[in-house]
Structure formats: C-alpha cells, structure tokens
PDB file of all heavy atoms in Angstrom:
ATOM      1  N   GLN A   1     -42.323  21.924  53.307  1.00  0.00           N
ATOM      2  CA  GLN A   1     -43.689  21.417  53.358  1.00  0.00           C
ATOM      3  C   GLN A   1     -44.646  22.225  52.483  1.00  0.00           C
ATOM      4  O   GLN A   1     -45.713  21.741  52.120  1.00  0.00           O
ATOM      5  CB  GLN A   1     -44.228  21.360  54.798  1.00  0.00           C
ATOM      6  CG  GLN A   1     -44.073  22.625  55.599  1.00  0.00           C
ATOM      7  CD  GLN A   1     -42.831  22.588  56.446  1.00  0.00           C
ATOM      8  OE1 GLN A   1     -41.717  22.530  55.947  1.00  0.00           O
ATOM      9  NE2 GLN A   1     -43.010  22.588  57.756  1.00  0.00           N
ATOM     10  N   ASP A   2     -44.267  23.453  52.130  1.00  0.00           N
ATOM     11  CA  ASP A   2     -45.102  24.272  51.254  1.00  0.00           C
ATOM     12  C   ASP A   2     -44.712  24.127  49.792  1.00  0.00           C
ATOM     13  O   ASP A   2     -45.384  24.691  48.920  1.00  0.00           O
ATOM     14  CB  ASP A   2     -44.976  25.751  51.631  1.00  0.00           C
ATOM     15  CG  ASP A   2     -45.478  26.046  53.032  1.00  0.00           C
ATOM     16  OD1 ASP A   2     -46.524  25.481  53.414  1.00  0.00           O
ATOM     17  OD2 ASP A   2     -44.827  26.827  53.743  1.00  0.00           O
ATOM     18  N   ASN A   3     -43.614  23.426  49.519  1.00  0.00           N
ATOM     19  CA  ASN A   3     -43.032  23.453  48.182  1.00  0.00           C
ATOM     20  C   ASN A   3     -42.653  22.062  47.670  1.00  0.00           C
ATOM     21  O   ASN A   3     -41.564  21.850  47.125  1.00  0.00           O
ATOM     22  CB  ASN A   3     -41.806  24.380  48.188  1.00  0.00           C
ATOM     23  CG  ASN A   3     -42.185  25.816  48.492  1.00  0.00           C
ATOM     24  OD1 ASN A   3     -42.736  26.510  47.657  1.00  0.00           O
ATOM     25  ND2 ASN A   3     -41.901  26.250  49.721  1.00  0.00           N
ATOM     26  N   ASN A   4     -43.591  21.126  47.884  1.00  0.00           N
ATOM     27  CA  ASN A   4     -43.404  19.769  47.363  1.00  0.00           C
ATOM     28  C   ASN A   4     -42.059  19.187  47.794  1.00  0.00           C
ATOM     29  O   ASN A   4     -41.338  18.564  47.018  1.00  0.00           O
ATOM     30  CB  ASN A   4     -43.524  19.771  45.837  1.00  0.00           C
ATOM     31  CG  ASN A   4     -43.777  18.385  45.280  1.00  0.00           C
ATOM     32  OD1 ASN A   4     -44.307  17.512  45.976  1.00  0.00           O
ATOM     33  ND2 ASN A   4     -43.399  18.171  44.033  1.00  0.00           N
ATOM     34  N   ASN A   5     -41.709  19.444  49.087  1.00  0.00           N
ATOM     35  CA  ASN A   5     -40.479  18.943  49.712  1.00  0.00           C
ATOM     36  C   ASN A   5     -39.200  19.557  49.143  1.00  0.00           C
ATOM     37  O   ASN A   5     -38.106  19.006  49.340  1.00  0.00           O
ATOM     38  CB  ASN A   5     -40.400  17.415  49.643  1.00  0.00           C
ATOM     39  CG  ASN A   5     -41.368  16.753  50.609  1.00  0.00           C
ATOM     40  OD1 ASN A   5     -41.556  17.248  51.732  1.00  0.00           O
ATOM     41  ND2 ASN A   5     -42.016  15.680  50.178  1.00  0.00           N
ATOM     42  N   HIS A   6     -39.318  20.694  48.505  1.00  0.00           N
ATOM     43  CA  HIS A   6     -38.135  21.418  48.028  1.00  0.00           C
ATOM     44  C   HIS A   6     -37.938  22.674  48.871  1.00  0.00           C
ATOM     45  O   HIS A   6     -38.890  23.339  49.262  1.00  0.00           O
ATOM     46  CB  HIS A   6     -38.293  21.812  46.557  1.00  0.00           C
ATOM     47  CG  HIS A   6     -38.258  20.651  45.618  1.00  0.00           C
ATOM     48  ND1 HIS A   6     -37.084  20.074  45.198  1.00  0.00           N
ATOM     49  CD2 HIS A   6     -39.267  19.960  45.026  1.00  0.00           C
ATOM     50  CE1 HIS A   6     -37.361  19.072  44.379  1.00  0.00           C
ATOM     51  NE2 HIS A   6     -38.682  18.978  44.259  1.00  0.00           N
ATOM     52  N   ALA A   7     -36.690  23.010  49.134  1.00  0.00           N
ATOM     53  CA  ALA A   7     -36.349  24.265  49.801  1.00  0.00           C
ATOM     54  C   ALA A   7     -34.930  24.676  49.431  1.00  0.00           C
ATOM     55  O   ALA A   7     -34.712  25.746  48.870  1.00  0.00           O
ATOM     56  CB  ALA A   7     -36.497  24.155  51.315  1.00  0.00           C
ATOM     57  N   LEU A   8     -33.969  23.804  49.725  1.00  0.00           N
ATOM     58  CA  LEU A   8     -32.566  24.152  49.531  1.00  0.00           C
ATOM     59  C   LEU A   8     -32.196  24.283  48.062  1.00  0.00           C
ATOM     60  O   LEU A   8     -31.201  24.940  47.730  1.00  0.00           O
ATOM     61  CB  LEU A   8     -31.664  23.119  50.205  1.00  0.00           C
ATOM     62  CG  LEU A   8     -31.955  22.833  51.693  1.00  0.00           C
ATOM     63  CD1 LEU A   8     -30.926  21.861  52.250  1.00  0.00           C
ATOM     64  CD2 LEU A   8     -31.968  24.123  52.507  1.00  0.00           C
ATOM     65  N   ASP A   9     -32.978  23.662  47.180  1.00  0.00           N
ATOM     66  CA  ASP A   9     -32.639  23.699  45.751  1.00  0.00           C
ATOM     67  C   ASP A   9     -33.539  24.643  44.954  1.00  0.00           C
ATOM     68  O   ASP A   9     -33.519  24.636  43.724  1.00  0.00           O
ATOM     69  CB  ASP A   9     -32.722  22.291  45.157  1.00  0.00           C
ATOM     70  CG  ASP A   9     -34.109  21.668  45.313  1.00  0.00           C
ATOM     71  OD1 ASP A   9     -34.890  22.165  46.145  1.00  0.00           O
ATOM     72  OD2 ASP A   9     -34.401  20.693  44.603  1.00  0.00           O
ATOM     73  N   ILE A  10     -34.312  25.468  45.630  1.00  0.00           N
ATOM     74  CA  ILE A  10     -35.178  26.416  44.923  1.00  0.00           C
ATOM     75  C   ILE A  10     -34.375  27.655  44.533  1.00  0.00           C
ATOM     76  O   ILE A  10     -33.595  28.183  45.327  1.00  0.00           O
ATOM     77  CB  ILE A  10     -36.376  26.823  45.800  1.00  0.00           C
ATOM     78  CG1 ILE A  10     -37.336  25.633  45.980  1.00  0.00           C
ATOM     79  CG2 ILE A  10     -37.135  28.008  45.188  1.00  0.00           C
ATOM     80  CD1 ILE A  10     -38.502  25.923  46.892  1.00  0.00           C
ATOM     81  N   SER A  11     -34.561  28.089  43.315  1.00  0.00           N
ATOM     82  CA  SER A  11     -33.959  29.350  42.873  1.00  0.00           C
ATOM     83  C   SER A  11     -35.063  30.299  42.442  1.00  0.00           C
ATOM     84  O   SER A  11     -36.198  29.890  42.164  1.00  0.00           O
ATOM     85  CB  SER A  11     -32.956  29.114  41.740  1.00  0.00           C
ATOM     86  OG  SER A  11     -33.582  28.508  40.626  1.00  0.00           O
ATOM     87  N   LEU A  12     -34.715  31.584  42.385  1.00  0.00           N
ATOM     88  CA  LEU A  12     -35.714  32.620  42.144  1.00  0.00           C
ATOM     89  C   LEU A  12     -35.110  33.702  41.261  1.00  0.00           C
ATOM     90  O   LEU A  12     -33.954  34.093  41.446  1.00  0.00           O
ATOM     91  CB  LEU A  12     -36.155  33.223  43.483  1.00  0.00           C
ATOM     92  CG  LEU A  12     -37.273  34.272  43.473  1.00  0.00           C
ATOM     93  CD1 LEU A  12     -38.593  33.635  43.096  1.00  0.00           C
ATOM     94  CD2 LEU A  12     -37.380  34.913  44.859  1.00  0.00           C
ATOM     95  N   ASN A  13     -35.885  34.177  40.337  1.00  0.00           N
ATOM     96  CA  ASN A  13     -35.470  35.331  39.541  1.00  0.00           C
ATOM     97  C   ASN A  13     -35.668  36.586  40.381  1.00  0.00           C
ATOM     98  O   ASN A  13     -36.730  36.790  40.960  1.00  0.00           O
ATOM     99  CB  ASN A  13     -36.304  35.411  38.261  1.00  0.00           C
ATOM    100  CG  ASN A  13     -35.804  36.468  37.305  1.00  0.00           C
ATOM    101  OD1 ASN A  13     -35.621  37.610  37.690  1.00  0.00           O
ATOM    102  ND2 ASN A  13     -35.594  36.083  36.055  1.00  0.00           N
ATOM    103  N   GLU A  14     -34.639  37.421  40.431  1.00  0.00           N
ATOM    104  CA  GLU A  14     -34.731  38.598  41.296  1.00  0.00           C
ATOM    105  C   GLU A  14     -35.821  39.573  40.867  1.00  0.00           C
ATOM    106  O   GLU A  14     -36.241  40.424  41.650  1.00  0.00           O
ATOM    107  CB  GLU A  14     -33.388  39.320  41.361  1.00  0.00           C
ATOM    108  CG  GLU A  14     -32.906  39.893  40.042  1.00  0.00           C
ATOM    109  CD  GLU A  14     -31.512  40.493  40.151  1.00  0.00           C
ATOM    110  OE1 GLU A  14     -30.662  39.914  40.847  1.00  0.00           O
ATOM    111  OE2 GLU A  14     -31.291  41.533  39.523  1.00  0.00           O
ATOM    112  N   GLN A  15     -36.297  39.462  39.647  1.00  0.00           N
ATOM    113  CA  GLN A  15     -37.383  40.316  39.170  1.00  0.00           C
ATOM    114  C   GLN A  15     -38.722  39.570  39.114  1.00  0.00           C
ATOM    115  O   GLN A  15     -39.713  40.115  38.630  1.00  0.00           O
ATOM    116  CB  GLN A  15     -37.050  40.850  37.770  1.00  0.00           C
ATOM    117  CG  GLN A  15     -35.747  41.636  37.696  1.00  0.00           C
ATOM    118  CD  GLN A  15     -35.732  42.862  38.588  1.00  0.00           C
ATOM    119  OE1 GLN A  15     -36.759  43.473  38.838  1.00  0.00           O
ATOM    120  NE2 GLN A  15     -34.560  43.212  39.090  1.00  0.00           N
ATOM    121  N   ALA A  16     -38.745  38.330  39.599  1.00  0.00           N
ATOM    122  CA  ALA A  16     -39.971  37.526  39.505  1.00  0.00           C
ATOM    123  C   ALA A  16     -41.096  38.167  40.318  1.00  0.00           C
ATOM    124  O   ALA A  16     -40.893  38.564  41.464  1.00  0.00           O
ATOM    125  CB  ALA A  16     -39.700  36.115  40.010  1.00  0.00           C
ATOM    126  N   PRO A  17     -42.279  38.268  39.750  1.00  0.00           N
ATOM    127  CA  PRO A  17     -43.409  38.833  40.507  1.00  0.00           C
ATOM    128  C   PRO A  17     -43.871  37.870  41.598  1.00  0.00           C
ATOM    129  O   PRO A  17     -43.941  36.653  41.392  1.00  0.00           O
ATOM    130  CB  PRO A  17     -44.486  39.023  39.433  1.00  0.00           C
ATOM    131  CG  PRO A  17     -44.150  38.024  38.373  1.00  0.00           C
ATOM    132  CD  PRO A  17     -42.656  37.904  38.369  1.00  0.00           C
ATOM    133  N   LEU A  18     -44.152  38.414  42.746  1.00  0.00           N
ATOM    134  CA  LEU A  18     -44.667  37.630  43.869  1.00  0.00           C
ATOM    135  C   LEU A  18     -45.975  38.262  44.325  1.00  0.00           C
ATOM    136  O   LEU A  18     -46.097  39.492  44.371  1.00  0.00           O
ATOM    137  CB  LEU A  18     -43.664  37.605  45.020  1.00  0.00           C
ATOM    138  CG  LEU A  18     -42.338  36.892  44.756  1.00  0.00           C
ATOM    139  CD1 LEU A  18     -41.329  37.223  45.844  1.00  0.00           C
ATOM    140  CD2 LEU A  18     -42.548  35.382  44.664  1.00  0.00           C
ATOM    141  N   THR A  19     -46.912  37.425  44.676  1.00  0.00           N
ATOM    142  CA  THR A  19     -48.227  37.898  45.106  1.00  0.00           C
ATOM    143  C   THR A  19     -48.397  37.650  46.598  1.00  0.00           C
ATOM    144  O   THR A  19     -48.123  36.542  47.090  1.00  0.00           O
ATOM    145  CB  THR A  19     -49.345  37.162  44.338  1.00  0.00           C
ATOM    146  OG1 THR A  19     -49.167  37.383  42.934  1.00  0.00           O
ATOM    147  CG2 THR A  19     -50.709  37.676  44.764  1.00  0.00           C
ATOM    148  N   ALA A  20     -48.815  38.674  47.320  1.00  0.00           N
ATOM    149  CA  ALA A  20     -49.047  38.548  48.757  1.00  0.00           C
ATOM    150  C   ALA A  20     -50.479  38.115  49.027  1.00  0.00           C
ATOM    151  O   ALA A  20     -51.422  38.597  48.397  1.00  0.00           O
ATOM    152  CB  ALA A  20     -48.765  39.872  49.454  1.00  0.00           C
ATOM    153  N   GLU A  21     -50.620  37.192  49.975  1.00  0.00           N
ATOM    154  CA  GLU A  21     -51.947  36.681  50.317  1.00  0.00           C
ATOM    155  C   GLU A  21     -51.989  36.415  51.818  1.00  0.00           C
ATOM    156  O   GLU A  21     -51.162  35.670  52.341  1.00  0.00           O
ATOM    157  CB  GLU A  21     -52.214  35.391  49.540  1.00  0.00           C
ATOM    158  CG  GLU A  21     -53.543  34.731  49.843  1.00  0.00           C
ATOM    159  CD  GLU A  21     -53.688  33.419  49.097  1.00  0.00           C
ATOM    160  OE1 GLU A  21     -53.652  33.436  47.845  1.00  0.00           O
ATOM    161  OE2 GLU A  21     -53.813  32.359  49.773  1.00  0.00           O
ATOM    162  N   TYR A  22     -52.937  37.034  52.500  1.00  0.00           N
ATOM    163  CA  TYR A  22     -53.072  36.797  53.941  1.00  0.00           C
ATOM    164  C   TYR A  22     -53.883  35.532  54.173  1.00  0.00           C
ATOM    165  O   TYR A  22     -54.981  35.382  53.648  1.00  0.00           O
ATOM    166  CB  TYR A  22     -53.751  37.980  54.634  1.00  0.00           C
ATOM    167  CG  TYR A  22     -53.800  37.816  56.141  1.00  0.00           C
ATOM    168  CD1 TYR A  22     -52.668  38.041  56.916  1.00  0.00           C
ATOM    169  CD2 TYR A  22     -54.975  37.433  56.781  1.00  0.00           C
ATOM    170  CE1 TYR A  22     -52.695  37.880  58.294  1.00  0.00           C
ATOM    171  CE2 TYR A  22     -55.018  37.280  58.161  1.00  0.00           C
ATOM    172  CZ  TYR A  22     -53.870  37.503  58.916  1.00  0.00           C
ATOM    173  OH  TYR A  22     -53.910  37.339  60.277  1.00  0.00           O
ATOM    174  N   GLN A  23     -53.316  34.615  54.961  1.00  0.00           N
ATOM    175  CA  GLN A  23     -53.992  33.354  55.266  1.00  0.00           C
ATOM    176  C   GLN A  23     -54.232  33.278  56.768  1.00  0.00           C
ATOM    177  O   GLN A  23     -53.315  33.022  57.551  1.00  0.00           O
ATOM    178  CB  GLN A  23     -53.154  32.171  54.778  1.00  0.00           C
ATOM    179  CG  GLN A  23     -52.982  32.135  53.265  1.00  0.00           C
ATOM    180  CD  GLN A  23     -52.307  30.867  52.772  1.00  0.00           C
ATOM    181  OE1 GLN A  23     -51.951  29.974  53.550  1.00  0.00           O
ATOM    182  NE2 GLN A  23     -52.131  30.773  51.457  1.00  0.00           N
ATOM    183  N   LYS A  24     -55.465  33.525  57.161  1.00  0.00           N
ATOM    184  CA  LYS A  24     -55.793  33.635  58.579  1.00  0.00           C
ATOM    185  C   LYS A  24     -55.665  32.318  59.332  1.00  0.00           C
ATOM    186  O   LYS A  24     -55.479  32.312  60.554  1.00  0.00           O
ATOM    187  CB  LYS A  24     -57.206  34.196  58.754  1.00  0.00           C
ATOM    188  CG  LYS A  24     -58.313  33.275  58.235  1.00  0.00           C
ATOM    189  CD  LYS A  24     -59.690  33.870  58.509  1.00  0.00           C
ATOM    190  CE  LYS A  24     -60.793  32.914  58.055  1.00  0.00           C
ATOM    191  NZ  LYS A  24     -62.149  33.454  58.343  1.00  0.00           N
ATOM    192  N   ASP A  25     -55.765  31.192  58.621  1.00  0.00           N
ATOM    193  CA  ASP A  25     -55.723  29.887  59.287  1.00  0.00           C
ATOM    194  C   ASP A  25     -54.339  29.247  59.267  1.00  0.00           C
ATOM    195  O   ASP A  25     -54.172  28.130  59.750  1.00  0.00           O
ATOM    196  CB  ASP A  25     -56.736  28.943  58.628  1.00  0.00           C
ATOM    197  CG  ASP A  25     -58.167  29.424  58.781  1.00  0.00           C
ATOM    198  OD1 ASP A  25     -58.478  29.984  59.852  1.00  0.00           O
ATOM    199  OD2 ASP A  25     -58.959  29.265  57.838  1.00  0.00           O
ATOM    200  N   LEU A  26     -53.354  29.932  58.722  1.00  0.00           N
ATOM    201  CA  LEU A  26     -51.997  29.395  58.668  1.00  0.00           C
ATOM    202  C   LEU A  26     -51.133  30.083  59.716  1.00  0.00           C
ATOM    203  O   LEU A  26     -51.030  31.310  59.742  1.00  0.00           O
ATOM    204  CB  LEU A  26     -51.403  29.610  57.272  1.00  0.00           C
ATOM    205  CG  LEU A  26     -49.958  29.138  57.077  1.00  0.00           C
ATOM    206  CD1 LEU A  26     -49.860  27.622  57.205  1.00  0.00           C
ATOM    207  CD2 LEU A  26     -49.413  29.602  55.730  1.00  0.00           C
TER     208      LEU A  26
END
C-alpha cells in the first residue's frame, strides 16, 4: 500500500541511501 501495490518484486541496492522520516500520524 506504500509502494504502488508493489512489495514482493521490489529490489534494493545494498548501498542505496535511505532517508529516515518520523510520521506522527502513521
């Protein structure tokens, strides 16, 4: 539901930068 109905087919680069964000309403 967060990824345009994708989950099982998502891949990630092990060095990919990720940004942390606190969402108080989620």
